[in-house]
Amino acid sequence: MSSSKEYLDFILEQLSESEDITYRAMMGEYIIYYRGKIVGGIYDDRLLVKPVKSAISLMKDVTYKLPYAGAKEMLLVNDVDSKEFLIRLFNAMYDDLPAPKKKK
């Protein structure tokens, strides 16, 4: 199952107060970037983020989910209705995320 553009638009609206949120469509799903770093993505109309320490410490209920078969587990973000929480989560995660790979 792929994710809907409507769910992507909802998440982007929730993050609209953050600077430099971008996305890339990939095989029916969406990769979410924050200031050039991959934070997570939208898979089957679920927001999943990388399981970095800062994200784990901010989330009340930590639930690991597979974005797709064969992938590494990611954290399911349940509190997508709170703009403040999502912005705080992305800001907290930024320093824990790896730098983007240099293109050759």
C-alpha atoms as a PDB file:
ATOM      1  CA  MET A   1       0.000   0.000   0.000  1.00  0.00           C
ATOM      2  CA  SER A   2       1.285   3.457  -0.778  1.00  0.00           C
ATOM      3  CA  SER A   3       0.750   6.700   1.095  1.00  0.00           C
ATOM      4  CA  SER A   4      -1.731   9.349   0.040  1.00  0.00           C
ATOM      5  CA  LYS A   5      -0.771  12.848  -1.038  1.00  0.00           C
ATOM      6  CA  GLU A   6      -3.446  14.093   1.398  1.00  0.00           C
ATOM      7  CA  TYR A   7      -1.602  12.571   4.377  1.00  0.00           C
ATOM      8  CA  LEU A   8       1.683  14.062   3.158  1.00  0.00           C
ATOM      9  CA  ASP A   9      -0.002  17.473   2.842  1.00  0.00           C
ATOM     10  CA  PHE A  10      -1.381  17.120   6.393  1.00  0.00           C
ATOM     11  CA  ILE A  11       2.077  16.364   7.827  1.00  0.00           C
ATOM     12  CA  LEU A  12       3.674  19.197   5.834  1.00  0.00           C
ATOM     13  CA  GLU A  13       1.013  21.595   7.152  1.00  0.00           C
ATOM     14  CA  GLN A  14       1.736  20.436  10.710  1.00  0.00           C
ATOM     15  CA  LEU A  15       5.427  21.226  10.117  1.00  0.00           C
ATOM     16  CA  SER A  16       4.819  24.464   8.197  1.00  0.00           C
ATOM     17  CA  GLU A  17       6.291  26.617  10.980  1.00  0.00           C
ATOM     18  CA  SER A  18       9.627  24.780  10.701  1.00  0.00           C
ATOM     19  CA  GLU A  19      12.177  25.997   8.253  1.00  0.00           C
ATOM     20  CA  ASP A  20      13.460  23.890   5.401  1.00  0.00           C
ATOM     21  CA  ILE A  21      11.142  20.865   5.445  1.00  0.00           C
ATOM     22  CA  THR A  22      11.311  19.057   2.118  1.00  0.00           C
ATOM     23  CA  TYR A  23      10.261  15.683   0.812  1.00  0.00           C
ATOM     24  CA  ARG A  24      10.930  13.299  -2.022  1.00  0.00           C
ATOM     25  CA  ALA A  25       8.499  10.766  -3.431  1.00  0.00           C
ATOM     26  CA  MET A  26       9.924   7.264  -3.582  1.00  0.00           C
ATOM     27  CA  MET A  27       8.008   4.179  -4.723  1.00  0.00           C
ATOM     28  CA  GLY A  28       4.638   5.444  -3.502  1.00  0.00           C
ATOM     29  CA  GLU A  29       5.993   6.689  -0.175  1.00  0.00           C
ATOM     30  CA  TYR A  30       7.646   9.954   0.910  1.00  0.00           C
ATOM     31  CA  ILE A  31      11.057  10.614   2.457  1.00  0.00           C
ATOM     32  CA  ILE A  32      11.003  13.654   4.792  1.00  0.00           C
ATOM     33  CA  TYR A  33      14.038  15.934   5.100  1.00  0.00           C
ATOM     34  CA  TYR A  34      14.689  18.573   7.736  1.00  0.00           C
ATOM     35  CA  ARG A  35      17.399  21.089   6.860  1.00  0.00           C
ATOM     36  CA  GLY A  36      18.878  18.626   4.389  1.00  0.00           C
ATOM     37  CA  LYS A  37      18.958  15.589   6.690  1.00  0.00           C
ATOM     38  CA  ILE A  38      16.647  12.585   6.407  1.00  0.00           C
ATOM     39  CA  VAL A  39      14.385  12.577   9.478  1.00  0.00           C
ATOM     40  CA  GLY A  40      12.092   9.777   8.386  1.00  0.00           C
ATOM     41  CA  GLY A  41       9.221   9.332   6.041  1.00  0.00           C
ATOM     42  CA  ILE A  42       5.599   8.610   5.400  1.00  0.00           C
ATOM     43  CA  TYR A  43       4.937   4.918   4.867  1.00  0.00           C
ATOM     44  CA  ASP A  44       1.404   3.523   4.496  1.00  0.00           C
ATOM     45  CA  ASP A  45       0.006   6.850   5.775  1.00  0.00           C
ATOM     46  CA  ARG A  46       2.117   6.673   8.950  1.00  0.00           C
ATOM     47  CA  LEU A  47       4.835   9.122   9.985  1.00  0.00           C
ATOM     48  CA  LEU A  48       7.932   7.130  10.915  1.00  0.00           C
ATOM     49  CA  VAL A  49      11.173   8.736  12.110  1.00  0.00           C
ATOM     50  CA  LYS A  50      14.688   7.458  12.630  1.00  0.00           C
ATOM     51  CA  PRO A  51      15.206   5.890  16.073  1.00  0.00           C
ATOM     52  CA  VAL A  52      17.735   8.381  17.435  1.00  0.00           C
ATOM     53  CA  LYS A  53      18.157   9.003  21.178  1.00  0.00           C
ATOM     54  CA  SER A  54      16.532  12.421  21.140  1.00  0.00           C
ATOM     55  CA  ALA A  55      13.392  11.083  19.435  1.00  0.00           C
ATOM     56  CA  ILE A  56      13.090   8.161  21.834  1.00  0.00           C
ATOM     57  CA  SER A  57      13.412  10.454  24.849  1.00  0.00           C
ATOM     58  CA  LEU A  58      10.683  12.831  23.583  1.00  0.00           C
ATOM     59  CA  MET A  59       8.093  10.206  22.705  1.00  0.00           C
ATOM     60  CA  LYS A  60       5.676   8.976  25.382  1.00  0.00           C
ATOM     61  CA  ASP A  61       4.902   5.672  23.696  1.00  0.00           C
ATOM     62  CA  VAL A  62       7.834   4.291  21.767  1.00  0.00           C
ATOM     63  CA  THR A  63       6.583   1.933  19.060  1.00  0.00           C
ATOM     64  CA  TYR A  64       8.908   0.470  16.458  1.00  0.00           C
ATOM     65  CA  LYS A  65       7.502  -0.275  13.004  1.00  0.00           C
ATOM     66  CA  LEU A  66       8.948  -1.464   9.724  1.00  0.00           C
ATOM     67  CA  PRO A  67       8.425   1.046   6.916  1.00  0.00           C
ATOM     68  CA  TYR A  68       8.563  -1.824   4.396  1.00  0.00           C
ATOM     69  CA  ALA A  69       9.806  -5.401   4.259  1.00  0.00           C
ATOM     70  CA  GLY A  70      13.565  -5.663   4.691  1.00  0.00           C
ATOM     71  CA  ALA A  71      13.998  -2.158   6.137  1.00  0.00           C
ATOM     72  CA  LYS A  72      15.327  -1.169   9.547  1.00  0.00           C
ATOM     73  CA  GLU A  73      12.748  -0.422  12.228  1.00  0.00           C
ATOM     74  CA  MET A  74      11.718   3.176  12.736  1.00  0.00           C
ATOM     75  CA  LEU A  75       9.691   4.992  15.394  1.00  0.00           C
ATOM     76  CA  LEU A  76       5.981   5.482  14.802  1.00  0.00           C
ATOM     77  CA  VAL A  77       4.899   9.048  15.603  1.00  0.00           C
ATOM     78  CA  ASN A  78       1.444   8.837  17.158  1.00  0.00           C
ATOM     79  CA  ASP A  79       1.076  12.501  18.119  1.00  0.00           C
ATOM     80  CA  VAL A  80       0.837  13.940  14.594  1.00  0.00           C
ATOM     81  CA  ASP A  81      -2.056  16.215  15.571  1.00  0.00           C
ATOM     82  CA  SER A  82       0.224  18.396  17.706  1.00  0.00           C
ATOM     83  CA  LYS A  83       2.162  20.907  15.608  1.00  0.00           C
ATOM     84  CA  GLU A  84       4.209  21.890  18.649  1.00  0.00           C
ATOM     85  CA  PHE A  85       5.267  18.316  19.361  1.00  0.00           C
ATOM     86  CA  LEU A  86       6.275  17.609  15.752  1.00  0.00           C
ATOM     87  CA  ILE A  87       8.338  20.785  15.521  1.00  0.00           C
ATOM     88  CA  ARG A  88      10.009  20.045  18.879  1.00  0.00           C
ATOM     89  CA  LEU A  89      10.688  16.454  17.762  1.00  0.00           C
ATOM     90  CA  PHE A  90      12.317  17.465  14.471  1.00  0.00           C
ATOM     91  CA  ASN A  91      14.401  20.187  16.146  1.00  0.00           C
ATOM     92  CA  ALA A  92      15.601  17.769  18.840  1.00  0.00           C
ATOM     93  CA  MET A  93      16.483  15.089  16.294  1.00  0.00           C
ATOM     94  CA  TYR A  94      18.521  17.310  13.989  1.00  0.00           C
ATOM     95  CA  ASP A  95      21.874  17.054  15.798  1.00  0.00           C
ATOM     96  CA  ASP A  96      21.537  13.264  16.188  1.00  0.00           C
ATOM     97  CA  LEU A  97      20.939  12.672  12.472  1.00  0.00           C
ATOM     98  CA  PRO A  98      23.830  11.818  10.148  1.00  0.00           C
ATOM     99  CA  ALA A  99      24.997  14.446   7.699  1.00  0.00           C
ATOM    100  CA  PRO A 100      23.813  13.968   4.123  1.00  0.00           C
ATOM    101  CA  LYS A 101      26.142  11.869   1.990  1.00  0.00           C
ATOM    102  CA  LYS A 102      28.229  13.820  -0.490  1.00  0.00           C
ATOM    103  CA  LYS A 103      27.315  13.198  -4.116  1.00  0.00           C
ATOM    104  CA  LYS A 104      30.177  12.036  -6.309  1.00  0.00           C
END
